[in-house]
Amino acid sequence: MPEEVVQAAKDLRASKIIPVHWGKFSLGQHAWDEPIIRVTKEAKEKNVNILHPMIGEEVNLNQTKVFSKWWEGVK
């Protein structure tokens, strides 16, 4: 569950998380963007640094970058 991902990050004292396996295929019984909505909400509430690049976007883990909530513009 998305909320458990955030708790696991806190338990492991991770400096940041990158949720994966949530937006490439619509295979679940929920909306395709529900997992990222839930995990970003929980990360914000628990002050966990979350990276959510667009599919295929390069990420440099040594730099600080604010990623857009790109999934909000997808229909």
C-alpha atoms as a PDB file:
ATOM      1  CA  MET A   1       0.000   0.000   0.000  1.00  0.00           C
ATOM      2  CA  PRO A   2       1.274   3.504  -0.753  1.00  0.00           C
ATOM      3  CA  GLU A   3       1.109   4.595   2.881  1.00  0.00           C
ATOM      4  CA  GLU A   4       3.247   1.622   3.906  1.00  0.00           C
ATOM      5  CA  VAL A   5       5.929   2.676   1.417  1.00  0.00           C
ATOM      6  CA  VAL A   6       6.278   5.975   3.237  1.00  0.00           C
ATOM      7  CA  GLN A   7       6.362   4.287   6.638  1.00  0.00           C
ATOM      8  CA  ALA A   8       9.022   1.844   5.414  1.00  0.00           C
ATOM      9  CA  ALA A   9      11.114   4.798   4.228  1.00  0.00           C
ATOM     10  CA  LYS A  10      10.827   6.386   7.661  1.00  0.00           C
ATOM     11  CA  ASP A  11      11.680   3.098   9.398  1.00  0.00           C
ATOM     12  CA  LEU A  12      14.759   2.697   7.200  1.00  0.00           C
ATOM     13  CA  ARG A  13      15.694   6.371   7.574  1.00  0.00           C
ATOM     14  CA  ALA A  14      15.789   6.755   3.806  1.00  0.00           C
ATOM     15  CA  SER A  15      16.791  10.202   2.583  1.00  0.00           C
ATOM     16  CA  LYS A  16      14.313  10.019  -0.329  1.00  0.00           C
ATOM     17  CA  ILE A  17      11.966   7.625  -2.073  1.00  0.00           C
ATOM     18  CA  ILE A  18      11.060   7.056  -5.712  1.00  0.00           C
ATOM     19  CA  PRO A  19       7.764   5.211  -6.154  1.00  0.00           C
ATOM     20  CA  VAL A  20       7.821   2.851  -9.137  1.00  0.00           C
ATOM     21  CA  HIS A  21       5.484   0.358 -10.794  1.00  0.00           C
ATOM     22  CA  TRP A  22       2.409   2.544 -10.546  1.00  0.00           C
ATOM     23  CA  GLY A  23       1.778   4.397 -13.800  1.00  0.00           C
ATOM     24  CA  LYS A  24       2.882   2.372 -16.767  1.00  0.00           C
ATOM     25  CA  PHE A  25      -0.075   0.023 -17.113  1.00  0.00           C
ATOM     26  CA  SER A  26      -3.640   0.209 -15.856  1.00  0.00           C
ATOM     27  CA  LEU A  27      -3.940  -3.285 -14.398  1.00  0.00           C
ATOM     28  CA  GLY A  28      -5.416  -2.614 -10.958  1.00  0.00           C
ATOM     29  CA  GLN A  29      -8.980  -2.309  -9.724  1.00  0.00           C
ATOM     30  CA  HIS A  30      -8.313   1.357  -8.912  1.00  0.00           C
ATOM     31  CA  ALA A  31      -7.660   4.483 -10.954  1.00  0.00           C
ATOM     32  CA  TRP A  32      -4.235   4.402 -12.581  1.00  0.00           C
ATOM     33  CA  ASP A  33      -3.049   7.470 -10.611  1.00  0.00           C
ATOM     34  CA  GLU A  34      -4.453   6.530  -7.209  1.00  0.00           C
ATOM     35  CA  PRO A  35      -1.150   5.079  -5.891  1.00  0.00           C
ATOM     36  CA  ILE A  36       0.890   8.228  -6.665  1.00  0.00           C
ATOM     37  CA  ILE A  37      -1.807  10.485  -5.229  1.00  0.00           C
ATOM     38  CA  ARG A  38      -1.828   8.490  -2.002  1.00  0.00           C
ATOM     39  CA  VAL A  39       1.948   8.140  -1.648  1.00  0.00           C
ATOM     40  CA  THR A  40       2.646  11.842  -2.328  1.00  0.00           C
ATOM     41  CA  LYS A  41      -0.029  12.856   0.195  1.00  0.00           C
ATOM     42  CA  GLU A  42       1.413  10.550   2.853  1.00  0.00           C
ATOM     43  CA  ALA A  43       4.991  11.635   2.132  1.00  0.00           C
ATOM     44  CA  LYS A  44       4.013  15.269   2.553  1.00  0.00           C
ATOM     45  CA  GLU A  45       2.200  14.546   5.826  1.00  0.00           C
ATOM     46  CA  LYS A  46       5.161  12.565   7.201  1.00  0.00           C
ATOM     47  CA  ASN A  47       7.845  14.886   5.811  1.00  0.00           C
ATOM     48  CA  VAL A  48       9.461  12.260   3.570  1.00  0.00           C
ATOM     49  CA  ASN A  49      11.361  13.495   0.498  1.00  0.00           C
ATOM     50  CA  ILE A  50       9.720  11.926  -2.555  1.00  0.00           C
ATOM     51  CA  LEU A  51      10.884  12.034  -6.159  1.00  0.00           C
ATOM     52  CA  HIS A  52       8.239  11.437  -8.813  1.00  0.00           C
ATOM     53  CA  PRO A  53       9.737  11.980 -12.244  1.00  0.00           C
ATOM     54  CA  MET A  54       7.714  11.565 -15.394  1.00  0.00           C
ATOM     55  CA  ILE A  55       8.120   8.135 -16.954  1.00  0.00           C
ATOM     56  CA  GLY A  56      11.459   8.184 -18.769  1.00  0.00           C
ATOM     57  CA  GLU A  57      12.695  11.390 -17.119  1.00  0.00           C
ATOM     58  CA  GLU A  58      16.294  11.285 -15.919  1.00  0.00           C
ATOM     59  CA  VAL A  59      16.960  11.716 -12.205  1.00  0.00           C
ATOM     60  CA  ASN A  60      20.213  12.773 -10.561  1.00  0.00           C
ATOM     61  CA  LEU A  61      20.048  11.602  -6.956  1.00  0.00           C
ATOM     62  CA  ASN A  62      22.787  14.050  -5.944  1.00  0.00           C
ATOM     63  CA  GLN A  63      20.769  17.111  -6.957  1.00  0.00           C
ATOM     64  CA  THR A  64      17.642  18.621  -5.497  1.00  0.00           C
ATOM     65  CA  LYS A  65      14.882  18.976  -8.060  1.00  0.00           C
ATOM     66  CA  VAL A  66      11.222  19.696  -7.596  1.00  0.00           C
ATOM     67  CA  PHE A  67       9.196  17.465  -9.894  1.00  0.00           C
ATOM     68  CA  SER A  68       5.825  18.526 -11.197  1.00  0.00           C
ATOM     69  CA  LYS A  69       2.719  16.474 -10.477  1.00  0.00           C
ATOM     70  CA  TRP A  70       2.642  15.541 -14.158  1.00  0.00           C
ATOM     71  CA  TRP A  71      -0.046  12.894 -13.698  1.00  0.00           C
ATOM     72  CA  GLU A  72      -2.595  15.609 -12.864  1.00  0.00           C
ATOM     73  CA  GLY A  73      -2.602  16.689 -16.512  1.00  0.00           C
ATOM     74  CA  VAL A  74      -3.113  13.190 -17.920  1.00  0.00           C
ATOM     75  CA  LYS A  75      -6.618  12.046 -18.822  1.00  0.00           C
END
